[in-house]
PDB file of N, CA and C in Angstrom:
ATOM      1  N   MET A   1     -24.119   2.320  -7.674  1.00  0.00           N
ATOM      2  CA  MET A   1     -23.791   2.960  -6.567  1.00  0.00           C
ATOM      3  C   MET A   1     -23.794   2.238  -4.861  1.00  0.00           C
ATOM      4  N   PHE A   2     -23.004   2.144  -4.317  1.00  0.00           N
ATOM      5  CA  PHE A   2     -22.755   1.759  -2.997  1.00  0.00           C
ATOM      6  C   PHE A   2     -23.303   2.578  -1.994  1.00  0.00           C
ATOM      7  N   ASP A   3     -23.711   2.039  -1.206  1.00  0.00           N
ATOM      8  CA  ASP A   3     -24.129   2.887   0.157  1.00  0.00           C
ATOM      9  C   ASP A   3     -22.931   2.446   1.121  1.00  0.00           C
ATOM     10  N   ILE A   4     -22.176   3.368   2.068  1.00  0.00           N
ATOM     11  CA  ILE A   4     -21.225   3.183   3.119  1.00  0.00           C
ATOM     12  C   ILE A   4     -22.342   2.851   4.207  1.00  0.00           C
ATOM     13  N   LYS A   5     -22.228   1.600   4.786  1.00  0.00           N
ATOM     14  CA  LYS A   5     -22.943   1.593   6.181  1.00  0.00           C
ATOM     15  C   LYS A   5     -22.176   1.622   7.477  1.00  0.00           C
ATOM     16  N   SER A   6     -20.533   1.554   7.295  1.00  0.00           N
ATOM     17  CA  SER A   6     -19.755   1.762   8.332  1.00  0.00           C
ATOM     18  C   SER A   6     -18.586   2.155   8.506  1.00  0.00           C
ATOM     19  N   ILE A   7     -17.499   2.967   9.177  1.00  0.00           N
ATOM     20  CA  ILE A   7     -16.239   3.046   8.701  1.00  0.00           C
ATOM     21  C   ILE A   7     -15.289   2.365   9.604  1.00  0.00           C
ATOM     22  N   PRO A   8     -14.882   1.326   9.591  1.00  0.00           N
ATOM     23  CA  PRO A   8     -14.403   0.481  10.808  1.00  0.00           C
ATOM     24  C   PRO A   8     -13.208   1.377  10.943  1.00  0.00           C
ATOM     25  N   GLY A   9     -12.113   2.329  10.016  1.00  0.00           N
ATOM     26  CA  GLY A   9     -11.006   3.118  10.331  1.00  0.00           C
ATOM     27  C   GLY A   9     -10.220   3.042   9.385  1.00  0.00           C
ATOM     28  N   TYR A  10      -9.141   3.520   9.565  1.00  0.00           N
ATOM     29  CA  TYR A  10      -8.302   4.208   8.544  1.00  0.00           C
ATOM     30  C   TYR A  10      -7.351   3.129   8.837  1.00  0.00           C
ATOM     31  N   ILE A  11      -6.413   2.679   7.502  1.00  0.00           N
ATOM     32  CA  ILE A  11      -5.591   1.824   7.373  1.00  0.00           C
ATOM     33  C   ILE A  11      -4.136   2.301   6.759  1.00  0.00           C
ATOM     34  N   TYR A  12      -3.093   1.965   6.917  1.00  0.00           N
ATOM     35  CA  TYR A  12      -2.031   2.405   6.147  1.00  0.00           C
ATOM     36  C   TYR A  12      -1.153   1.332   6.423  1.00  0.00           C
ATOM     37  N   THR A  13      -0.050   1.010   5.379  1.00  0.00           N
ATOM     38  CA  THR A  13       1.232   0.358   5.741  1.00  0.00           C
ATOM     39  C   THR A  13       2.271   1.113   4.832  1.00  0.00           C
ATOM     40  N   THR A  14       3.688   0.795   5.132  1.00  0.00           N
ATOM     41  CA  THR A  14       5.104   1.385   4.750  1.00  0.00           C
ATOM     42  C   THR A  14       5.956  -0.052   4.675  1.00  0.00           C
ATOM     43  N   TRP A  15       6.238  -0.218   3.655  1.00  0.00           N
ATOM     44  CA  TRP A  15       7.206  -1.054   2.842  1.00  0.00           C
ATOM     45  C   TRP A  15       8.710  -0.539   2.411  1.00  0.00           C
ATOM     46  N   PHE A  16       9.589  -1.255   2.860  1.00  0.00           N
ATOM     47  CA  PHE A  16      11.367  -0.727   2.481  1.00  0.00           C
ATOM     48  C   PHE A  16      11.809  -1.628   1.621  1.00  0.00           C
ATOM     49  N   PHE A  17      12.633  -1.282   0.726  1.00  0.00           N
ATOM     50  CA  PHE A  17      13.646  -2.247   0.020  1.00  0.00           C
ATOM     51  C   PHE A  17      14.658  -1.779  -0.729  1.00  0.00           C
ATOM     52  N   CYS A  18      15.508  -2.367  -0.270  1.00  0.00           N
ATOM     53  CA  CYS A  18      17.330  -1.860  -0.643  1.00  0.00           C
ATOM     54  C   CYS A  18      17.349  -2.709  -1.982  1.00  0.00           C
ATOM     55  N   MET A  19      17.621  -1.561  -3.009  1.00  0.00           N
ATOM     56  CA  MET A  19      18.047  -2.092  -4.247  1.00  0.00           C
ATOM     57  C   MET A  19      19.347  -2.066  -4.985  1.00  0.00           C
ATOM     58  N   ASP A  20      20.204  -2.602  -5.287  1.00  0.00           N
ATOM     59  CA  ASP A  20      21.467  -2.884  -5.216  1.00  0.00           C
ATOM     60  C   ASP A  20      22.163  -3.223  -7.320  1.00  0.00           C
ATOM     61  N   GLY A  21      20.737  -2.510  -8.246  1.00  0.00           N
ATOM     62  CA  GLY A  21      21.161  -2.743  -9.135  1.00  0.00           C
ATOM     63  C   GLY A  21      20.636  -4.117 -10.214  1.00  0.00           C
ATOM     64  N   MET A  22      19.962  -4.570  -8.701  1.00  0.00           N
ATOM     65  CA  MET A  22      19.361  -6.310  -9.652  1.00  0.00           C
ATOM     66  C   MET A  22      17.824  -5.939 -10.275  1.00  0.00           C
ATOM     67  N   TYR A  23      17.512  -5.050  -9.569  1.00  0.00           N
ATOM     68  CA  TYR A  23      15.858  -4.792 -10.084  1.00  0.00           C
ATOM     69  C   TYR A  23      16.046  -3.218 -11.004  1.00  0.00           C
ATOM     70  N   THR A  24      15.089  -3.338 -11.932  1.00  0.00           N
ATOM     71  CA  THR A  24      14.674  -2.119 -12.258  1.00  0.00           C
ATOM     72  C   THR A  24      13.710  -1.221 -11.262  1.00  0.00           C
ATOM     73  N   HIS A  25      13.475   0.096 -11.393  1.00  0.00           N
ATOM     74  CA  HIS A  25      12.816   0.846 -10.339  1.00  0.00           C
ATOM     75  C   HIS A  25      11.769   0.385 -10.411  1.00  0.00           C
ATOM     76  N   CYS A  26      11.015   0.263 -11.733  1.00  0.00           N
ATOM     77  CA  CYS A  26       9.675   0.258 -12.112  1.00  0.00           C
ATOM     78  C   CYS A  26       9.373  -0.918 -11.712  1.00  0.00           C
ATOM     79  N   SER A  27      10.057  -2.286 -12.086  1.00  0.00           N
ATOM     80  CA  SER A  27       9.290  -3.714 -11.545  1.00  0.00           C
ATOM     81  C   SER A  27       9.458  -3.602  -9.926  1.00  0.00           C
ATOM     82  N   CYS A  28      10.341  -3.150  -8.897  1.00  0.00           N
ATOM     83  CA  CYS A  28      10.381  -2.959  -7.639  1.00  0.00           C
ATOM     84  C   CYS A  28       9.179  -2.284  -7.173  1.00  0.00           C
ATOM     85  N   VAL A  29       8.719  -1.452  -7.681  1.00  0.00           N
ATOM     86  CA  VAL A  29       7.545  -0.422  -7.358  1.00  0.00           C
ATOM     87  C   VAL A  29       6.552  -1.551  -7.410  1.00  0.00           C
ATOM     88  N   GLU A  30       6.536  -1.641  -8.685  1.00  0.00           N
ATOM     89  CA  GLU A  30       5.120  -2.338  -8.766  1.00  0.00           C
ATOM     90  C   GLU A  30       4.810  -3.817  -8.268  1.00  0.00           C
ATOM     91  N   SER A  31       5.992  -4.547  -7.621  1.00  0.00           N
ATOM     92  CA  SER A  31       5.925  -5.719  -6.970  1.00  0.00           C
ATOM     93  C   SER A  31       5.431  -5.430  -5.300  1.00  0.00           C
ATOM     94  N   MET A  32       6.256  -4.226  -4.989  1.00  0.00           N
ATOM     95  CA  MET A  32       5.826  -3.967  -3.584  1.00  0.00           C
ATOM     96  C   MET A  32       4.435  -3.040  -3.510  1.00  0.00           C
ATOM     97  N   THR A  33       3.960  -2.501  -4.339  1.00  0.00           N
ATOM     98  CA  THR A  33       2.624  -2.203  -4.682  1.00  0.00           C
ATOM     99  C   THR A  33       1.590  -3.245  -4.545  1.00  0.00           C
ATOM    100  N   LYS A  34       1.857  -4.395  -5.172  1.00  0.00           N
ATOM    101  CA  LYS A  34       0.875  -5.633  -4.918  1.00  0.00           C
ATOM    102  C   LYS A  34       0.766  -5.801  -3.666  1.00  0.00           C
ATOM    103  N   GLU A  35       1.843  -6.403  -3.303  1.00  0.00           N
ATOM    104  CA  GLU A  35       2.417  -6.944  -2.191  1.00  0.00           C
ATOM    105  C   GLU A  35       1.491  -6.052  -1.018  1.00  0.00           C
ATOM    106  N   MET A  36       1.868  -4.642  -1.068  1.00  0.00           N
ATOM    107  CA  MET A  36       1.215  -3.727   0.132  1.00  0.00           C
ATOM    108  C   MET A  36      -0.548  -3.617   0.065  1.00  0.00           C
ATOM    109  N   ASN A  37      -0.898  -3.704  -1.423  1.00  0.00           N
ATOM    110  CA  ASN A  37      -2.438  -3.858  -1.627  1.00  0.00           C
ATOM    111  C   ASN A  37      -3.101  -5.081  -0.779  1.00  0.00           C
ATOM    112  N   ASP A  38      -2.122  -5.916  -0.959  1.00  0.00           N
ATOM    113  CA  ASP A  38      -2.752  -7.379  -0.413  1.00  0.00           C
ATOM    114  C   ASP A  38      -2.667  -7.003   0.984  1.00  0.00           C
ATOM    115  N   GLU A  39      -1.477  -6.622   1.621  1.00  0.00           N
ATOM    116  CA  GLU A  39      -1.804  -6.065   2.983  1.00  0.00           C
ATOM    117  C   GLU A  39      -2.927  -5.201   3.614  1.00  0.00           C
ATOM    118  N   LEU A  40      -2.918  -4.020   2.984  1.00  0.00           N
ATOM    119  CA  LEU A  40      -4.080  -3.357   2.831  1.00  0.00           C
ATOM    120  C   LEU A  40      -5.138  -4.039   3.004  1.00  0.00           C
ATOM    121  N   LEU A  41      -5.518  -4.745   2.407  1.00  0.00           N
ATOM    122  CA  LEU A  41      -6.649  -5.653   2.052  1.00  0.00           C
ATOM    123  C   LEU A  41      -6.918  -6.314   3.241  1.00  0.00           C
ATOM    124  N   ASP A  42      -6.026  -7.483   3.950  1.00  0.00           N
ATOM    125  CA  ASP A  42      -5.865  -7.960   4.957  1.00  0.00           C
ATOM    126  C   ASP A  42      -6.798  -7.505   6.116  1.00  0.00           C
ATOM    127  N   LYS A  43      -5.579  -5.826   6.391  1.00  0.00           N
ATOM    128  CA  LYS A  43      -6.059  -5.364   7.327  1.00  0.00           C
ATOM    129  C   LYS A  43      -7.523  -4.953   7.304  1.00  0.00           C
ATOM    130  N   ALA A  44      -7.978  -3.978   6.004  1.00  0.00           N
ATOM    131  CA  ALA A  44      -9.703  -3.937   6.278  1.00  0.00           C
ATOM    132  C   ALA A  44     -10.560  -4.877   6.247  1.00  0.00           C
ATOM    133  N   LEU A  45     -10.073  -6.062   6.252  1.00  0.00           N
ATOM    134  CA  LEU A  45     -11.193  -7.593   6.829  1.00  0.00           C
ATOM    135  C   LEU A  45     -11.114  -7.662   7.660  1.00  0.00           C
ATOM    136  N   GLN A  46      -9.396  -7.479   8.745  1.00  0.00           N
ATOM    137  CA  GLN A  46      -9.369  -7.990   9.844  1.00  0.00           C
ATOM    138  C   GLN A  46     -10.329  -6.918  10.589  1.00  0.00           C
ATOM    139  N   LEU A  47     -10.524  -5.744  10.417  1.00  0.00           N
ATOM    140  CA  LEU A  47     -11.332  -4.420  10.422  1.00  0.00           C
ATOM    141  C   LEU A  47     -12.899  -4.805  10.324  1.00  0.00           C
ATOM    142  N   GLY A  48     -13.615  -6.026   9.665  1.00  0.00           N
ATOM    143  CA  GLY A  48     -14.522  -6.293   9.426  1.00  0.00           C
ATOM    144  C   GLY A  48     -15.068  -5.498   7.924  1.00  0.00           C
ATOM    145  N   ALA A  49     -14.472  -4.682   7.491  1.00  0.00           N
ATOM    146  CA  ALA A  49     -14.490  -4.265   5.889  1.00  0.00           C
ATOM    147  C   ALA A  49     -14.762  -5.150   5.104  1.00  0.00           C
ATOM    148  N   ASN A  50     -15.520  -3.908   3.906  1.00  0.00           N
ATOM    149  CA  ASN A  50     -15.475  -5.772   2.381  1.00  0.00           C
ATOM    150  C   ASN A  50     -14.996  -4.414   1.933  1.00  0.00           C
ATOM    151  N   ALA A  51     -14.410  -3.339   1.724  1.00  0.00           N
ATOM    152  CA  ALA A  51     -14.183  -2.522   0.794  1.00  0.00           C
ATOM    153  C   ALA A  51     -13.158  -1.138   1.234  1.00  0.00           C
ATOM    154  N   ILE A  52     -12.234  -0.610   0.416  1.00  0.00           N
ATOM    155  CA  ILE A  52     -11.316   0.295   1.043  1.00  0.00           C
ATOM    156  C   ILE A  52     -11.700   1.894  -0.004  1.00  0.00           C
ATOM    157  N   ILE A  53     -11.575   3.065   0.528  1.00  0.00           N
ATOM    158  CA  ILE A  53     -11.760   3.956  -0.459  1.00  0.00           C
ATOM    159  C   ILE A  53     -10.797   4.807   0.212  1.00  0.00           C
ATOM    160  N   GLY A  54     -10.573   6.096  -0.734  1.00  0.00           N
ATOM    161  CA  GLY A  54      -9.804   6.904  -0.750  1.00  0.00           C
ATOM    162  C   GLY A  54      -8.245   6.263  -0.603  1.00  0.00           C
ATOM    163  N   TYR A  55      -8.264   4.603  -1.352  1.00  0.00           N
ATOM    164  CA  TYR A  55      -7.057   4.341  -1.599  1.00  0.00           C
ATOM    165  C   TYR A  55      -5.860   5.260  -2.288  1.00  0.00           C
ATOM    166  N   ARG A  56      -4.731   5.152  -1.234  1.00  0.00           N
ATOM    167  CA  ARG A  56      -3.662   5.718  -2.519  1.00  0.00           C
ATOM    168  C   ARG A  56      -1.971   5.497  -1.995  1.00  0.00           C
ATOM    169  N   TYR A  57      -1.172   5.462  -2.761  1.00  0.00           N
ATOM    170  CA  TYR A  57       0.008   5.121  -2.561  1.00  0.00           C
ATOM    171  C   TYR A  57       1.087   5.968  -3.129  1.00  0.00           C
ATOM    172  N   ASP A  58       2.302   6.038  -2.075  1.00  0.00           N
ATOM    173  CA  ASP A  58       3.562   7.270  -2.857  1.00  0.00           C
ATOM    174  C   ASP A  58       4.754   6.467  -2.607  1.00  0.00           C
ATOM    175  N   TYR A  59       5.535   6.871  -2.977  1.00  0.00           N
ATOM    176  CA  TYR A  59       7.161   6.147  -2.821  1.00  0.00           C
ATOM    177  C   TYR A  59       8.103   7.384  -3.042  1.00  0.00           C
ATOM    178  N   GLU A  60       9.152   6.780  -2.004  1.00  0.00           N
ATOM    179  CA  GLU A  60      10.589   7.539  -2.115  1.00  0.00           C
ATOM    180  C   GLU A  60      11.159   6.962  -2.553  1.00  0.00           C
ATOM    181  N   ASN A  61      12.659   7.347  -3.221  1.00  0.00           N
ATOM    182  CA  ASN A  61      13.431   6.564  -4.071  1.00  0.00           C
ATOM    183  C   ASN A  61      14.973   7.307  -3.032  1.00  0.00           C
ATOM    184  N   ILE A  62      15.503   6.817  -2.530  1.00  0.00           N
ATOM    185  CA  ILE A  62      16.619   7.562  -1.970  1.00  0.00           C
ATOM    186  C   ILE A  62      18.161   6.432  -2.154  1.00  0.00           C
ATOM    187  N   SER A  63      18.628   7.422  -2.756  1.00  0.00           N
ATOM    188  CA  SER A  63      19.989   6.766  -3.696  1.00  0.00           C
ATOM    189  C   SER A  63      21.472   7.318  -2.902  1.00  0.00           C
ATOM    190  N   SER A  64      22.302   6.887  -2.955  1.00  0.00           N
ATOM    191  CA  SER A  64      23.677   6.991  -2.656  1.00  0.00           C
ATOM    192  C   SER A  64      24.502   5.821  -2.549  1.00  0.00           C
ATOM    193  N   LYS A  65      25.871   6.269  -3.303  1.00  0.00           N
ATOM    194  CA  LYS A  65      26.760   5.342  -3.040  1.00  0.00           C
ATOM    195  C   LYS A  65      26.277   4.068  -4.799  1.00  0.00           C
ATOM    196  N   GLY A  66      25.596   4.147  -5.117  1.00  0.00           N
ATOM    197  CA  GLY A  66      25.044   3.026  -6.168  1.00  0.00           C
ATOM    198  C   GLY A  66      23.861   2.262  -5.478  1.00  0.00           C
ATOM    199  N   LYS A  67      23.505   2.212  -4.487  1.00  0.00           N
ATOM    200  CA  LYS A  67      22.687   1.764  -3.645  1.00  0.00           C
ATOM    201  C   LYS A  67      21.276   2.442  -3.814  1.00  0.00           C
ATOM    202  N   SER A  68      20.042   1.897  -3.858  1.00  0.00           N
ATOM    203  CA  SER A  68      18.957   2.663  -3.318  1.00  0.00           C
ATOM    204  C   SER A  68      17.882   1.715  -2.493  1.00  0.00           C
ATOM    205  N   LEU A  69      17.260   2.889  -1.447  1.00  0.00           N
ATOM    206  CA  LEU A  69      16.490   2.540  -0.647  1.00  0.00           C
ATOM    207  C   LEU A  69      15.202   3.166  -0.935  1.00  0.00           C
ATOM    208  N   ILE A  70      14.157   2.142  -1.211  1.00  0.00           N
ATOM    209  CA  ILE A  70      12.471   2.787  -1.911  1.00  0.00           C
ATOM    210  C   ILE A  70      11.574   2.590  -0.955  1.00  0.00           C
ATOM    211  N   ILE A  71      11.364   3.835  -0.236  1.00  0.00           N
ATOM    212  CA  ILE A  71       9.922   3.388   0.397  1.00  0.00           C
ATOM    213  C   ILE A  71       8.386   3.815  -0.171  1.00  0.00           C
ATOM    214  N   VAL A  72       7.915   2.573  -0.285  1.00  0.00           N
ATOM    215  CA  VAL A  72       6.101   2.815  -0.311  1.00  0.00           C
ATOM    216  C   VAL A  72       5.639   2.487   0.986  1.00  0.00           C
ATOM    217  N   TYR A  73       4.807   4.052   0.474  1.00  0.00           N
ATOM    218  CA  TYR A  73       3.750   4.000   1.466  1.00  0.00           C
ATOM    219  C   TYR A  73       1.979   4.169   1.092  1.00  0.00           C
ATOM    220  N   GLY A  74       1.287   3.032   1.547  1.00  0.00           N
ATOM    221  CA  GLY A  74       0.044   3.069   1.214  1.00  0.00           C
ATOM    222  C   GLY A  74      -0.826   3.616   2.431  1.00  0.00           C
ATOM    223  N   GLN A  75      -1.987   3.832   2.088  1.00  0.00           N
ATOM    224  CA  GLN A  75      -3.292   4.220   2.714  1.00  0.00           C
ATOM    225  C   GLN A  75      -4.656   4.371   2.403  1.00  0.00           C
ATOM    226  N   GLY A  76      -5.795   3.971   3.300  1.00  0.00           N
ATOM    227  CA  GLY A  76      -7.165   4.256   2.620  1.00  0.00           C
ATOM    228  C   GLY A  76      -7.836   4.282   3.872  1.00  0.00           C
ATOM    229  N   THR A  77      -9.227   3.834   3.731  1.00  0.00           N
ATOM    230  CA  THR A  77     -10.095   4.101   4.705  1.00  0.00           C
ATOM    231  C   THR A  77     -10.967   2.715   4.518  1.00  0.00           C
ATOM    232  N   ALA A  78     -10.966   2.051   5.534  1.00  0.00           N
ATOM    233  CA  ALA A  78     -12.046   0.717   5.351  1.00  0.00           C
ATOM    234  C   ALA A  78     -13.364   1.477   5.624  1.00  0.00           C
ATOM    235  N   VAL A  79     -14.382   0.121   4.833  1.00  0.00           N
ATOM    236  CA  VAL A  79     -15.780   0.768   5.046  1.00  0.00           C
ATOM    237  C   VAL A  79     -16.211  -0.135   4.817  1.00  0.00           C
ATOM    238  N   VAL A  80     -17.521  -0.437   5.162  1.00  0.00           N
ATOM    239  CA  VAL A  80     -18.445  -1.800   5.243  1.00  0.00           C
ATOM    240  C   VAL A  80     -19.462  -1.063   3.994  1.00  0.00           C
ATOM    241  N   ILE A  81     -19.699  -1.615   2.536  1.00  0.00           N
ATOM    242  CA  ILE A  81     -20.678  -1.348   1.714  1.00  0.00           C
ATOM    243  C   ILE A  81     -21.740  -2.278   1.486  1.00  0.00           C
ATOM    244  N   GLU A  82     -22.830  -1.979   0.871  1.00  0.00           N
ATOM    245  CA  GLU A  82     -24.234  -2.670   0.871  1.00  0.00           C
ATOM    246  C   GLU A  82     -24.653  -2.117  -0.893  1.00  0.00           C
TER     247      GLU A  82
END
């Protein structure tokens, strides 16, 4: 069990990726999610936090004329735990 000592703030990021059939939907979202996780961790560390709680991500796929735009949203709360 951890104790939350402080809450430096809310963190979020948004990633956009255009697909033209070269990548499968799953591999694209998986790759973007990993990069997004790294970005959120960097943002938390910049605020002086050492953990993220309430982390979640979601995505939207917008398609037209054989092309897709995938938008991935990530968010959480940066906290200092002990």
